PDB file of N, CA and C in Angstrom:
ATOM      1  N   UNK A   1      19.997 141.017  93.356  1.00  0.00           N
ATOM      2  CA  UNK A   1      21.134 140.129  93.248  1.00  0.00           C
ATOM      3  C   UNK A   1      20.703 138.725  93.651  1.00  0.00           C
ATOM      4  N   UNK A   2      21.012 137.779  92.814  1.00  0.00           N
ATOM      5  CA  UNK A   2      20.609 136.413  93.045  1.00  0.00           C
ATOM      6  C   UNK A   2      21.733 135.642  93.723  1.00  0.00           C
ATOM      7  N   UNK A   3      21.377 134.877  94.734  1.00  0.00           N
ATOM      8  CA  UNK A   3      22.351 134.073  95.468  1.00  0.00           C
ATOM      9  C   UNK A   3      22.611 132.774  94.705  1.00  0.00           C
ATOM     10  N   UNK A   4      23.877 132.450  94.514  1.00  0.00           N
ATOM     11  CA  UNK A   4      24.251 131.236  93.795  1.00  0.00           C
ATOM     12  C   UNK A   4      24.706 130.191  94.803  1.00  0.00           C
ATOM     13  N   UNK A   5      24.081 129.042  94.778  1.00  0.00           N
ATOM     14  CA  UNK A   5      24.454 127.952  95.672  1.00  0.00           C
ATOM     15  C   UNK A   5      25.368 126.984  94.935  1.00  0.00           C
ATOM     16  N   UNK A   6      26.622 126.982  95.308  1.00  0.00           N
ATOM     17  CA  UNK A   6      27.577 126.051  94.729  1.00  0.00           C
ATOM     18  C   UNK A   6      27.824 124.954  95.754  1.00  0.00           C
ATOM     19  N   UNK A   7      27.587 123.702  95.395  1.00  0.00           N
ATOM     20  CA  UNK A   7      27.809 122.631  96.364  1.00  0.00           C
ATOM     21  C   UNK A   7      29.279 122.528  96.746  1.00  0.00           C
ATOM     22  N   UNK A   8      29.510 122.258  98.006  1.00  0.00           N
ATOM     23  CA  UNK A   8      30.862 122.155  98.536  1.00  0.00           C
ATOM     24  C   UNK A   8      31.412 120.767  98.242  1.00  0.00           C
ATOM     25  N   UNK A   9      32.536 120.700  97.550  1.00  0.00           N
ATOM     26  CA  UNK A   9      33.165 119.428  97.210  1.00  0.00           C
ATOM     27  C   UNK A   9      34.210 119.119  98.272  1.00  0.00           C
ATOM     28  N   UNK A  10      33.959 118.090  99.080  1.00  0.00           N
ATOM     29  CA  UNK A  10      34.830 117.798 100.208  1.00  0.00           C
ATOM     30  C   UNK A  10      36.228 117.386  99.764  1.00  0.00           C
ATOM     31  N   UNK A  11      36.340 116.617  98.699  1.00  0.00           N
ATOM     32  CA  UNK A  11      37.645 116.134  98.245  1.00  0.00           C
ATOM     33  C   UNK A  11      38.542 117.299  97.818  1.00  0.00           C
ATOM     34  N   UNK A  12      37.993 118.228  97.047  1.00  0.00           N
ATOM     35  CA  UNK A  12      38.785 119.382  96.612  1.00  0.00           C
ATOM     36  C   UNK A  12      39.153 120.275  97.792  1.00  0.00           C
ATOM     37  N   UNK A  13      38.224 120.454  98.723  1.00  0.00           N
ATOM     38  CA  UNK A  13      38.493 121.276  99.898  1.00  0.00           C
ATOM     39  C   UNK A  13      39.557 120.641 100.773  1.00  0.00           C
ATOM     40  N   UNK A  14      39.501 119.330 100.942  1.00  0.00           N
ATOM     41  CA  UNK A  14      40.501 118.634 101.747  1.00  0.00           C
ATOM     42  C   UNK A  14      41.878 118.728 101.096  1.00  0.00           C
ATOM     43  N   UNK A  15      41.951 118.560  99.792  1.00  0.00           N
ATOM     44  CA  UNK A  15      43.231 118.698  99.097  1.00  0.00           C
ATOM     45  C   UNK A  15      43.794 120.101  99.259  1.00  0.00           C
ATOM     46  N   UNK A  16      42.925 121.129  99.175  1.00  0.00           N
ATOM     47  CA  UNK A  16      43.369 122.503  99.361  1.00  0.00           C
ATOM     48  C   UNK A  16      43.969 122.700 100.742  1.00  0.00           C
ATOM     49  N   UNK A  17      43.296 122.229 101.797  1.00  0.00           N
ATOM     50  CA  UNK A  17      43.805 122.428 103.157  1.00  0.00           C
ATOM     51  C   UNK A  17      45.074 121.640 103.416  1.00  0.00           C
ATOM     52  N   UNK A  18      45.218 120.476 102.798  1.00  0.00           N
ATOM     53  CA  UNK A  18      46.458 119.713 102.958  1.00  0.00           C
ATOM     54  C   UNK A  18      47.630 120.453 102.306  1.00  0.00           C
ATOM     55  N   UNK A  19      47.398 121.021 101.136  1.00  0.00           N
ATOM     56  CA  UNK A  19      48.452 121.787 100.460  1.00  0.00           C
ATOM     57  C   UNK A  19      48.806 123.034 101.261  1.00  0.00           C
ATOM     58  N   UNK A  20      47.799 123.737 101.764  1.00  0.00           N
ATOM     59  CA  UNK A  20      48.055 124.932 102.579  1.00  0.00           C
ATOM     60  C   UNK A  20      48.831 124.562 103.839  1.00  0.00           C
ATOM     61  N   UNK A  21      48.439 123.487 104.491  1.00  0.00           N
ATOM     62  CA  UNK A  21      49.117 123.066 105.713  1.00  0.00           C
ATOM     63  C   UNK A  21      50.557 122.672 105.438  1.00  0.00           C
ATOM     64  N   UNK A  22      50.780 121.908 104.391  1.00  0.00           N
ATOM     65  CA  UNK A  22      52.136 121.447 104.086  1.00  0.00           C
ATOM     66  C   UNK A  22      53.040 122.583 103.636  1.00  0.00           C
ATOM     67  N   UNK A  23      52.485 123.618 103.042  1.00  0.00           N
ATOM     68  CA  UNK A  23      53.335 124.697 102.549  1.00  0.00           C
ATOM     69  C   UNK A  23      53.552 125.806 103.577  1.00  0.00           C
ATOM     70  N   UNK A  24      52.608 126.049 104.450  1.00  0.00           N
ATOM     71  CA  UNK A  24      52.731 127.156 105.391  1.00  0.00           C
ATOM     72  C   UNK A  24      53.331 126.738 106.735  1.00  0.00           C
ATOM     73  N   UNK A  25      53.061 125.547 107.207  1.00  0.00           N
ATOM     74  CA  UNK A  25      53.517 125.127 108.525  1.00  0.00           C
ATOM     75  C   UNK A  25      55.033 125.260 108.720  1.00  0.00           C
ATOM     76  N   UNK A  26      55.886 124.877 107.783  1.00  0.00           N
ATOM     77  CA  UNK A  26      57.332 125.037 108.021  1.00  0.00           C
ATOM     78  C   UNK A  26      57.791 126.490 108.098  1.00  0.00           C
ATOM     79  N   UNK A  27      56.987 127.427 107.622  1.00  0.00           N
ATOM     80  CA  UNK A  27      57.376 128.827 107.588  1.00  0.00           C
ATOM     81  C   UNK A  27      56.972 129.605 108.841  1.00  0.00           C
ATOM     82  N   UNK A  28      56.272 128.978 109.768  1.00  0.00           N
ATOM     83  CA  UNK A  28      55.742 129.695 110.922  1.00  0.00           C
ATOM     84  C   UNK A  28      56.784 129.735 112.041  1.00  0.00           C
ATOM     85  N   UNK A  29      57.264 130.923 112.344  1.00  0.00           N
ATOM     86  CA  UNK A  29      58.159 131.187 113.478  1.00  0.00           C
ATOM     87  C   UNK A  29      57.748 132.521 114.083  1.00  0.00           C
ATOM     88  N   UNK A  30      57.564 132.567 115.388  1.00  0.00           N
ATOM     89  CA  UNK A  30      57.231 133.806 116.073  1.00  0.00           C
ATOM     90  C   UNK A  30      58.145 133.979 117.277  1.00  0.00           C
ATOM     91  N   UNK A  31      58.650 135.184 117.496  1.00  0.00           N
ATOM     92  CA  UNK A  31      59.456 135.411 118.701  1.00  0.00           C
ATOM     93  C   UNK A  31      58.564 135.459 119.946  1.00  0.00           C
ATOM     94  N   UNK A  32      58.829 134.590 120.883  1.00  0.00           N
ATOM     95  CA  UNK A  32      58.097 134.550 122.146  1.00  0.00           C
ATOM     96  C   UNK A  32      59.126 134.635 123.262  1.00  0.00           C
ATOM     97  N   UNK A  33      59.038 135.687 124.074  1.00  0.00           N
ATOM     98  CA  UNK A  33      59.972 135.946 125.182  1.00  0.00           C
ATOM     99  C   UNK A  33      61.412 136.008 124.701  1.00  0.00           C
ATOM    100  N   UNK A  34      61.647 136.588 123.555  1.00  0.00           N
ATOM    101  CA  UNK A  34      62.993 136.796 123.062  1.00  0.00           C
ATOM    102  C   UNK A  34      63.614 135.613 122.344  1.00  0.00           C
ATOM    103  N   UNK A  35      62.893 134.523 122.193  1.00  0.00           N
ATOM    104  CA  UNK A  35      63.417 133.362 121.471  1.00  0.00           C
ATOM    105  C   UNK A  35      62.479 133.037 120.313  1.00  0.00           C
ATOM    106  N   UNK A  36      63.024 132.461 119.289  1.00  0.00           N
ATOM    107  CA  UNK A  36      62.188 132.018 118.178  1.00  0.00           C
ATOM    108  C   UNK A  36      61.572 130.673 118.540  1.00  0.00           C
ATOM    109  N   UNK A  37      60.324 130.715 118.880  1.00  0.00           N
ATOM    110  CA  UNK A  37      59.626 129.492 119.250  1.00  0.00           C
ATOM    111  C   UNK A  37      59.041 128.875 117.993  1.00  0.00           C
ATOM    112  N   UNK A  38      59.292 127.624 117.805  1.00  0.00           N
ATOM    113  CA  UNK A  38      58.853 126.951 116.595  1.00  0.00           C
ATOM    114  C   UNK A  38      57.677 126.023 116.854  1.00  0.00           C
ATOM    115  N   UNK A  39      57.542 125.515 118.058  1.00  0.00           N
ATOM    116  CA  UNK A  39      56.553 124.483 118.333  1.00  0.00           C
ATOM    117  C   UNK A  39      55.144 125.048 118.532  1.00  0.00           C
ATOM    118  N   UNK A  40      54.992 125.994 119.442  1.00  0.00           N
ATOM    119  CA  UNK A  40      53.657 126.458 119.839  1.00  0.00           C
ATOM    120  C   UNK A  40      52.869 127.110 118.707  1.00  0.00           C
ATOM    121  N   UNK A  41      53.444 128.034 117.923  1.00  0.00           N
ATOM    122  CA  UNK A  41      52.654 128.628 116.814  1.00  0.00           C
ATOM    123  C   UNK A  41      52.245 127.609 115.754  1.00  0.00           C
ATOM    124  N   UNK A  42      53.109 126.649 115.481  1.00  0.00           N
ATOM    125  CA  UNK A  42      52.748 125.608 114.514  1.00  0.00           C
ATOM    126  C   UNK A  42      51.618 124.736 115.056  1.00  0.00           C
ATOM    127  N   UNK A  43      51.663 124.479 116.356  1.00  0.00           N
ATOM    128  CA  UNK A  43      50.623 123.685 117.004  1.00  0.00           C
ATOM    129  C   UNK A  43      49.265 124.386 116.891  1.00  0.00           C
ATOM    130  N   UNK A  44      49.244 125.693 117.168  1.00  0.00           N
ATOM    131  CA  UNK A  44      48.009 126.468 117.073  1.00  0.00           C
ATOM    132  C   UNK A  44      47.505 126.489 115.628  1.00  0.00           C
ATOM    133  N   UNK A  45      48.405 126.681 114.672  1.00  0.00           N
ATOM    134  CA  UNK A  45      48.017 126.697 113.253  1.00  0.00           C
ATOM    135  C   UNK A  45      47.419 125.353 112.844  1.00  0.00           C
ATOM    136  N   UNK A  46      48.030 124.254 113.262  1.00  0.00           N
ATOM    137  CA  UNK A  46      47.499 122.942 112.906  1.00  0.00           C
ATOM    138  C   UNK A  46      46.146 122.682 113.557  1.00  0.00           C
ATOM    139  N   UNK A  47      45.940 123.180 114.773  1.00  0.00           N
ATOM    140  CA  UNK A  47      44.628 123.039 115.413  1.00  0.00           C
ATOM    141  C   UNK A  47      43.546 123.816 114.647  1.00  0.00           C
ATOM    142  N   UNK A  48      43.891 125.015 114.188  1.00  0.00           N
ATOM    143  CA  UNK A  48      42.928 125.812 113.423  1.00  0.00           C
ATOM    144  C   UNK A  48      42.594 125.120 112.098  1.00  0.00           C
ATOM    145  N   UNK A  49      43.614 124.605 111.415  1.00  0.00           N
ATOM    146  CA  UNK A  49      43.376 123.919 110.136  1.00  0.00           C
ATOM    147  C   UNK A  49      42.554 122.652 110.367  1.00  0.00           C
ATOM    148  N   UNK A  50      42.850 121.916 111.436  1.00  0.00           N
ATOM    149  CA  UNK A  50      42.068 120.723 111.744  1.00  0.00           C
ATOM    150  C   UNK A  50      40.613 121.080 112.033  1.00  0.00           C
ATOM    151  N   UNK A  51      40.384 122.191 112.747  1.00  0.00           N
ATOM    152  CA  UNK A  51      39.013 122.626 113.030  1.00  0.00           C
ATOM    153  C   UNK A  51      38.291 122.986 111.741  1.00  0.00           C
ATOM    154  N   UNK A  52      38.978 123.658 110.816  1.00  0.00           N
ATOM    155  CA  UNK A  52      38.355 123.997 109.536  1.00  0.00           C
ATOM    156  C   UNK A  52      38.022 122.744 108.721  1.00  0.00           C
ATOM    157  N   UNK A  53      38.901 121.762 108.750  1.00  0.00           N
ATOM    158  CA  UNK A  53      38.629 120.507 108.042  1.00  0.00           C
ATOM    159  C   UNK A  53      37.451 119.781 108.691  1.00  0.00           C
ATOM    160  N   UNK A  54      37.373 119.804 110.021  1.00  0.00           N
ATOM    161  CA  UNK A  54      36.257 119.153 110.714  1.00  0.00           C
ATOM    162  C   UNK A  54      34.938 119.849 110.402  1.00  0.00           C
ATOM    163  N   UNK A  55      34.953 121.182 110.342  1.00  0.00           N
ATOM    164  CA  UNK A  55      33.733 121.921 109.999  1.00  0.00           C
ATOM    165  C   UNK A  55      33.308 121.610 108.570  1.00  0.00           C
ATOM    166  N   UNK A  56      34.281 121.557 107.654  1.00  0.00           N
ATOM    167  CA  UNK A  56      33.975 121.215 106.267  1.00  0.00           C
ATOM    168  C   UNK A  56      33.414 119.798 106.178  1.00  0.00           C
ATOM    169  N   UNK A  57      33.990 118.877 106.942  1.00  0.00           N
ATOM    170  CA  UNK A  57      33.474 117.508 106.956  1.00  0.00           C
ATOM    171  C   UNK A  57      32.063 117.430 107.507  1.00  0.00           C
ATOM    172  N   UNK A  58      31.771 118.278 108.512  1.00  0.00           N
ATOM    173  CA  UNK A  58      30.417 118.297 109.065  1.00  0.00           C
ATOM    174  C   UNK A  58      29.420 118.863 108.055  1.00  0.00           C
ATOM    175  N   UNK A  59      29.847 119.868 107.291  1.00  0.00           N
ATOM    176  CA  UNK A  59      28.956 120.436 106.282  1.00  0.00           C
ATOM    177  C   UNK A  59      28.718 119.481 105.110  1.00  0.00           C
ATOM    178  N   UNK A  60      29.690 118.647 104.820  1.00  0.00           N
ATOM    179  CA  UNK A  60      29.597 117.701 103.701  1.00  0.00           C
ATOM    180  C   UNK A  60      29.426 116.274 104.213  1.00  0.00           C
ATOM    181  N   UNK A  61      28.715 116.092 105.312  1.00  0.00           N
ATOM    182  CA  UNK A  61      28.664 114.777 105.958  1.00  0.00           C
ATOM    183  C   UNK A  61      28.118 113.688 105.044  1.00  0.00           C
ATOM    184  N   UNK A  62      27.133 113.976 104.256  1.00  0.00           N
ATOM    185  CA  UNK A  62      26.553 112.948 103.379  1.00  0.00           C
ATOM    186  C   UNK A  62      27.578 112.472 102.357  1.00  0.00           C
ATOM    187  N   UNK A  63      28.332 113.405 101.797  1.00  0.00           N
ATOM    188  CA  UNK A  63      29.356 113.041 100.810  1.00  0.00           C
ATOM    189  C   UNK A  63      30.491 112.245 101.458  1.00  0.00           C
ATOM    190  N   UNK A  64      30.888 112.632 102.661  1.00  0.00           N
ATOM    191  CA  UNK A  64      31.969 111.931 103.361  1.00  0.00           C
ATOM    192  C   UNK A  64      31.499 110.552 103.802  1.00  0.00           C
ATOM    193  N   UNK A  65      30.267 110.468 104.307  1.00  0.00           N
ATOM    194  CA  UNK A  65      29.751 109.198 104.827  1.00  0.00           C
ATOM    195  C   UNK A  65      29.659 108.138 103.738  1.00  0.00           C
ATOM    196  N   UNK A  66      29.206 108.529 102.546  1.00  0.00           N
ATOM    197  CA  UNK A  66      29.050 107.552 101.478  1.00  0.00           C
ATOM    198  C   UNK A  66      30.371 107.193 100.801  1.00  0.00           C
ATOM    199  N   UNK A  67      31.417 107.968 101.016  1.00  0.00           N
ATOM    200  CA  UNK A  67      32.706 107.653 100.410  1.00  0.00           C
ATOM    201  C   UNK A  67      33.536 106.711 101.283  1.00  0.00           C
ATOM    202  N   UNK A  68      33.093 106.473 102.530  1.00  0.00           N
ATOM    203  CA  UNK A  68      33.816 105.579 103.436  1.00  0.00           C
ATOM    204  C   UNK A  68      33.207 104.190 103.351  1.00  0.00           C
ATOM    205  N   UNK A  69      34.048 103.200 103.123  1.00  0.00           N
ATOM    206  CA  UNK A  69      33.590 101.812 103.114  1.00  0.00           C
ATOM    207  C   UNK A  69      33.814 101.233 104.504  1.00  0.00           C
ATOM    208  N   UNK A  70      32.755 100.740 105.122  1.00  0.00           N
ATOM    209  CA  UNK A  70      32.859 100.200 106.466  1.00  0.00           C
ATOM    210  C   UNK A  70      33.128  98.694 106.414  1.00  0.00           C
ATOM    211  N   UNK A  71      34.334  98.337 105.991  1.00  0.00           N
ATOM    212  CA  UNK A  71      34.726  96.940 106.030  1.00  0.00           C
ATOM    213  C   UNK A  71      35.577  96.728 107.284  1.00  0.00           C
ATOM    214  N   UNK A  72      36.065  95.512 107.484  1.00  0.00           N
ATOM    215  CA  UNK A  72      36.758  95.188 108.728  1.00  0.00           C
ATOM    216  C   UNK A  72      38.070  95.971 108.887  1.00  0.00           C
ATOM    217  N   UNK A  73      38.776  96.215 107.788  1.00  0.00           N
ATOM    218  CA  UNK A  73      40.039  96.955 107.889  1.00  0.00           C
ATOM    219  C   UNK A  73      39.805  98.375 108.370  1.00  0.00           C
ATOM    220  N   UNK A  74      38.827  99.051 107.806  1.00  0.00           N
ATOM    221  CA  UNK A  74      38.539 100.417 108.219  1.00  0.00           C
ATOM    222  C   UNK A  74      37.988 100.490 109.640  1.00  0.00           C
ATOM    223  N   UNK A  75      37.217  99.501 110.037  1.00  0.00           N
ATOM    224  CA  UNK A  75      36.716  99.469 111.407  1.00  0.00           C
ATOM    225  C   UNK A  75      37.877  99.312 112.392  1.00  0.00           C
ATOM    226  N   UNK A  76      38.850  98.452 112.061  1.00  0.00           N
ATOM    227  CA  UNK A  76      40.017  98.280 112.929  1.00  0.00           C
ATOM    228  C   UNK A  76      40.868  99.544 112.967  1.00  0.00           C
ATOM    229  N   UNK A  77      41.026 100.226 111.855  1.00  0.00           N
ATOM    230  CA  UNK A  77      41.771 101.480 111.833  1.00  0.00           C
ATOM    231  C   UNK A  77      41.048 102.560 112.636  1.00  0.00           C
ATOM    232  N   UNK A  78      39.737 102.556 112.591  1.00  0.00           N
ATOM    233  CA  UNK A  78      38.956 103.527 113.349  1.00  0.00           C
ATOM    234  C   UNK A  78      39.119 103.307 114.852  1.00  0.00           C
ATOM    235  N   UNK A  79      39.200 102.027 115.255  1.00  0.00           N
ATOM    236  CA  UNK A  79      39.410 101.735 116.675  1.00  0.00           C
ATOM    237  C   UNK A  79      40.785 102.169 117.108  1.00  0.00           C
TER     238      UNK A  79
END
């Protein structure tokens, strides 16, 4: 069996995670201590999605780095 290397496209992956986050986050409710807690499970889900996006960005660092223009506006936004 031959292994196929498909390059990871950061833009498509980021769009996928944004759609997943926007569609699933409002639906997350878990009963905690007899009450429907809405804040904590959504917070954990968003942290997991953010970690996955950060890992994807680290794997595609060259593609992400060259797509960012380091002009004065972006430098100020980064600060």
